């Protein structure tokens, strides 16, 4: 890549302590893959707002790829699966519409309780998912550079 790649990383604020771990994993891995890469972080209130911000950022033409992270949990009302599906579908629609890759680090666990054990498990898991998103973002941007 001749020019340093630019990435946007979107973070939903519900369960921010867990979601922020994906951003940390992304930054660390991207530093290993492309130390000159620029990663700009953006926050949204919840997962549902991710596709709209992703679309607005994609439309600027400033980013080579966008990653969006959220942790959508069952709050006792059967709606988390609908939210998660809407978010992932929305992110897919954004990348197809704008031709800017949009990666999802949006997870919906079957069972989550706000206990120390669950929070630690998912925080670690989000670090891994952030690293995987960086691998994917780097790969797709590298591939686009040769097309």
Protein backbone atom coordinates (compact mmCIF):
# COMPACT_ATOMS: atom_id res chain seq x y z
CA UNK A 1 0.00 0.00 0.00
CA UNK A 2 1.47 3.31 -1.06
CA UNK A 3 -0.74 5.45 1.18
CA UNK A 4 -1.36 4.66 4.83
CA UNK A 5 -4.78 3.02 5.19
CA UNK A 6 -7.50 4.83 7.14
CA UNK A 7 -10.05 3.03 9.25
CA UNK A 8 -13.05 4.12 11.27
CA UNK A 9 -13.95 2.13 14.37
CA UNK A 10 -17.48 2.59 15.68
CA UNK A 11 -18.33 1.69 19.27
CA UNK A 12 -21.79 1.30 20.77
CA UNK A 13 -21.88 2.58 24.34
CA UNK A 14 -24.10 -0.11 25.89
CA UNK A 15 -21.65 -2.32 27.81
CA UNK A 16 -18.88 0.09 26.85
CA UNK A 17 -16.33 -1.60 29.11
CA UNK A 18 -16.69 -4.77 27.03
CA UNK A 19 -17.11 -3.13 23.61
CA UNK A 20 -14.02 -0.98 24.13
CA UNK A 21 -11.95 -4.16 24.31
CA UNK A 22 -12.69 -4.80 20.62
CA UNK A 23 -11.29 -1.37 19.82
CA UNK A 24 -8.17 -2.14 21.87
CA UNK A 25 -7.69 -5.46 20.08
CA UNK A 26 -8.20 -3.78 16.70
CA UNK A 27 -5.63 -1.06 17.46
CA UNK A 28 -3.03 -3.49 18.75
CA UNK A 29 -3.36 -5.85 15.80
CA UNK A 30 -3.45 -3.04 13.25
CA UNK A 31 -0.25 -1.70 14.81
CA UNK A 32 1.34 -5.07 14.09
CA UNK A 33 0.01 -5.24 10.52
CA UNK A 34 0.27 -1.63 9.39
CA UNK A 35 1.98 0.65 11.91
CA UNK A 36 1.29 3.68 9.71
CA UNK A 37 -2.47 3.01 9.57
CA UNK A 38 -4.80 5.65 10.94
CA UNK A 39 -7.71 4.49 13.08
CA UNK A 40 -10.34 7.01 14.14
CA UNK A 41 -12.88 6.01 16.80
CA UNK A 42 -16.50 7.11 16.95
CA UNK A 43 -19.13 6.43 19.60
CA UNK A 44 -22.86 5.88 19.21
CA UNK A 45 -25.45 5.41 21.97
CA UNK A 46 -26.35 1.84 21.05
CA UNK A 47 -25.99 -0.86 18.43
CA UNK A 48 -29.02 0.30 16.47
CA UNK A 49 -27.24 3.54 15.53
CA UNK A 50 -24.18 1.84 14.03
CA UNK A 51 -25.42 1.41 10.42
CA UNK A 52 -26.41 5.07 10.04
CA UNK A 53 -23.07 6.38 11.28
CA UNK A 54 -21.25 3.78 9.17
CA UNK A 55 -23.15 5.01 6.11
CA UNK A 56 -22.37 8.65 6.85
CA UNK A 57 -18.67 7.90 7.36
CA UNK A 58 -18.49 5.71 4.25
CA UNK A 59 -20.00 8.57 2.27
CA UNK A 60 -17.13 10.88 3.21
CA UNK A 61 -14.65 8.82 1.21
CA UNK A 62 -12.08 9.23 4.02
CA UNK A 63 -11.98 5.60 5.14
CA UNK A 64 -10.74 2.45 3.47
CA UNK A 65 -12.83 0.29 5.79
CA UNK A 66 -15.10 0.66 8.81
CA UNK A 67 -15.46 -1.65 11.80
CA UNK A 68 -18.50 -1.49 14.06
CA UNK A 69 -18.63 -3.02 17.53
CA UNK A 70 -21.58 -3.69 19.82
CA UNK A 71 -22.64 -6.10 22.52
CA UNK A 72 -26.36 -6.81 22.26
CA UNK A 73 -27.64 -8.81 25.22
CA UNK A 74 -30.95 -10.27 26.30
CA UNK A 75 -32.36 -7.78 28.74
CA UNK A 76 -35.35 -9.92 29.61
CA UNK A 77 -37.44 -8.71 26.71
CA UNK A 78 -37.31 -10.72 23.50
CA UNK A 79 -35.99 -7.98 21.26
CA UNK A 80 -32.21 -8.35 21.35
CA UNK A 81 -32.21 -10.82 18.47
CA UNK A 82 -34.22 -8.39 16.33
CA UNK A 83 -31.83 -5.56 17.16
CA UNK A 84 -28.78 -7.70 16.39
CA UNK A 85 -30.25 -8.83 13.06
CA UNK A 86 -31.17 -5.26 12.09
CA UNK A 87 -27.66 -4.04 12.92
CA UNK A 88 -25.84 -6.73 10.97
CA UNK A 89 -28.21 -6.38 8.00
CA UNK A 90 -27.80 -2.61 8.12
CA UNK A 91 -24.02 -2.85 8.14
CA UNK A 92 -24.10 -5.25 5.20
CA UNK A 93 -26.38 -2.89 3.30
CA UNK A 94 -23.99 0.01 3.93
CA UNK A 95 -21.00 -1.78 2.46
CA UNK A 96 -22.93 -2.96 -0.58
CA UNK A 97 -24.38 0.51 -1.15
CA UNK A 98 -21.17 2.49 -0.63
CA UNK A 99 -18.47 0.02 -1.74
CA UNK A 100 -16.64 0.66 1.55
CA UNK A 101 -16.00 -2.54 3.53
CA UNK A 102 -17.91 -2.58 6.83
CA UNK A 103 -16.89 -5.20 9.36
CA UNK A 104 -19.12 -6.28 12.21
CA UNK A 105 -17.80 -6.94 15.69
CA UNK A 106 -21.37 -7.02 16.95
CA UNK A 107 -22.04 -9.99 19.17
CA UNK A 108 -25.22 -11.35 20.74
CA UNK A 109 -24.52 -14.01 23.35
CA UNK A 110 -27.16 -16.58 24.19
CA UNK A 111 -26.52 -16.17 27.88
CA UNK A 112 -25.06 -13.13 29.57
CA UNK A 113 -25.35 -12.06 33.15
CA UNK A 114 -23.61 -8.95 34.48
CA UNK A 115 -21.34 -10.99 36.71
CA UNK A 116 -17.59 -10.65 37.06
CA UNK A 117 -17.08 -14.00 35.33
CA UNK A 118 -19.24 -13.19 32.29
CA UNK A 119 -17.88 -9.67 31.96
CA UNK A 120 -14.28 -10.94 32.05
CA UNK A 121 -15.03 -13.70 29.52
CA UNK A 122 -16.68 -11.36 27.02
CA UNK A 123 -14.07 -8.61 27.49
CA UNK A 124 -11.37 -11.13 26.54
CA UNK A 125 -13.52 -12.39 23.67
CA UNK A 126 -13.95 -8.87 22.33
CA UNK A 127 -10.19 -8.34 22.29
CA UNK A 128 -9.93 -11.40 20.04
CA UNK A 129 -12.81 -10.22 17.84
CA UNK A 130 -11.18 -6.79 17.49
CA UNK A 131 -7.94 -8.45 16.37
CA UNK A 132 -9.87 -10.56 13.87
CA UNK A 133 -11.59 -7.45 12.52
CA UNK A 134 -8.19 -5.80 12.05
CA UNK A 135 -6.97 -8.87 10.14
CA UNK A 136 -10.05 -8.72 7.91
CA UNK A 137 -9.84 -4.96 7.39
CA UNK A 138 -6.16 -5.16 6.48
CA UNK A 139 -6.74 -8.08 4.12
CA UNK A 140 -9.60 -6.44 2.24
CA UNK A 141 -7.81 -3.10 1.98
CA UNK A 142 -4.65 -4.84 0.77
CA UNK A 143 -6.68 -6.76 -1.81
CA UNK A 144 -8.41 -3.59 -3.00
CA UNK A 145 -5.00 -1.97 -3.53
CA UNK A 146 -4.15 -4.53 -6.23
CA UNK A 147 -7.49 -4.42 -8.05
